[in-house]
Amino acid sequence: MKATFQIPDELYREVKAETAREGRTVRDVAISLFQQWLRQKKQPSSLASPVDWENFQPPLCHLVPDEVTDHSTDSMRKATTRQWNEPS
């Protein structure tokens, strides 16, 4: 497929000169850069956002009553599911 796009003149001159020094074409470099960009997009990001553990709020914390002080898995499970098992 043929594509036409505009880039700044100075950038094109630099790219053209560098590709000539390397014995490549601007087309080959553009294709290579597009392929590299697409490969990077497909890779999972290794830069996860840091967690602020001092102010961390678990996603389901709103389901746990304030009076719950035992935060073991079993106690948390009972506290969060108690409301589902109680008759309305």
Protein backbone atom coordinates (compact mmCIF):
# COMPACT_ATOMS: atom_id res chain seq x y z
CA MET A 1 0.00 0.00 0.00
CA LYS A 2 1.23 3.46 -0.76
CA ALA A 3 0.88 6.11 1.94
CA THR A 4 1.65 9.81 1.82
CA PHE A 5 2.27 11.92 4.90
CA GLN A 6 4.03 15.16 5.69
CA ILE A 7 7.04 15.52 7.95
CA PRO A 8 9.16 18.59 8.64
CA ASP A 9 11.70 19.34 5.89
CA GLU A 10 14.68 19.34 8.26
CA LEU A 11 13.71 15.97 9.72
CA TYR A 12 13.35 14.47 6.24
CA ARG A 13 16.76 15.82 5.20
CA GLU A 14 18.39 14.25 8.27
CA VAL A 15 16.63 10.94 7.75
CA LYS A 16 17.49 10.91 4.03
CA ALA A 17 21.16 11.64 4.75
CA GLU A 18 21.40 8.98 7.47
CA THR A 19 19.70 6.31 5.38
CA ALA A 20 22.04 7.12 2.48
CA ARG A 21 25.08 6.69 4.77
CA GLU A 22 23.70 3.30 5.84
CA GLY A 23 22.85 2.26 2.30
CA ARG A 24 19.15 1.97 3.13
CA THR A 25 16.04 3.67 1.83
CA VAL A 26 13.68 5.93 3.75
CA ARG A 27 10.95 3.41 2.92
CA ASP A 28 12.90 0.55 4.56
CA VAL A 29 13.55 2.61 7.69
CA ALA A 30 9.90 3.70 7.91
CA ILE A 31 8.68 0.09 7.60
CA SER A 32 11.18 -1.02 10.23
CA LEU A 33 10.06 1.73 12.63
CA PHE A 34 6.37 0.91 12.12
CA GLN A 35 7.05 -2.79 12.80
CA GLN A 36 9.08 -1.97 15.92
CA TRP A 37 6.32 0.33 17.20
CA LEU A 38 3.67 -2.35 16.69
CA ARG A 39 5.79 -4.99 18.46
CA GLN A 40 6.21 -2.68 21.45
CA LYS A 41 2.44 -2.10 21.60
CA LYS A 42 1.83 -5.85 21.76
CA GLN A 43 4.26 -6.43 24.64
CA PRO A 44 2.83 -6.20 28.14
CA SER A 45 3.98 -3.12 29.96
CA SER A 46 6.58 -3.82 32.61
CA LEU A 47 6.02 -0.43 34.19
CA ALA A 48 3.25 -0.99 36.70
CA SER A 49 2.11 1.96 38.74
CA PRO A 50 3.57 1.92 42.23
CA VAL A 51 1.07 1.15 44.99
CA ASP A 52 0.65 3.62 47.84
CA TRP A 53 0.35 0.98 50.55
CA GLU A 54 -0.24 3.51 53.34
CA ASN A 55 -3.46 4.71 51.69
CA PHE A 56 -4.42 1.53 49.87
CA GLN A 57 -8.12 0.68 49.88
CA PRO A 58 -8.94 -2.88 48.80
CA PRO A 59 -11.58 -2.97 46.07
CA LEU A 60 -14.20 -4.64 48.30
CA CYS A 61 -13.44 -2.82 51.56
CA HIS A 62 -16.83 -1.08 51.43
CA LEU A 63 -18.45 -4.49 52.04
CA VAL A 64 -16.71 -5.03 55.37
CA PRO A 65 -18.48 -3.52 58.39
CA ASP A 66 -16.37 -1.06 60.42
CA GLU A 67 -16.63 -3.20 63.55
CA VAL A 68 -14.67 -6.05 61.94
CA THR A 69 -11.18 -6.16 63.43
CA ASP A 70 -10.12 -9.70 62.52
CA HIS A 71 -8.90 -9.45 58.95
CA SER A 72 -8.10 -13.11 58.40
CA THR A 73 -9.42 -14.55 55.16
CA ASP A 74 -12.07 -16.63 56.90
CA SER A 75 -13.35 -13.73 59.01
CA MET A 76 -13.43 -11.39 56.03
CA ARG A 77 -15.33 -13.94 53.99
CA LYS A 78 -17.91 -14.38 56.74
CA ALA A 79 -18.29 -10.63 57.28
CA THR A 80 -18.82 -9.87 53.60
CA THR A 81 -21.17 -12.75 52.89
CA ARG A 82 -23.24 -12.46 56.07
CA GLN A 83 -25.39 -9.75 54.52
CA TRP A 84 -26.15 -11.97 51.53
CA ASN A 85 -27.31 -14.83 53.74
CA GLU A 86 -29.47 -12.76 56.08
CA PRO A 87 -33.21 -12.53 55.29
CA SER A 88 -34.37 -9.06 54.28
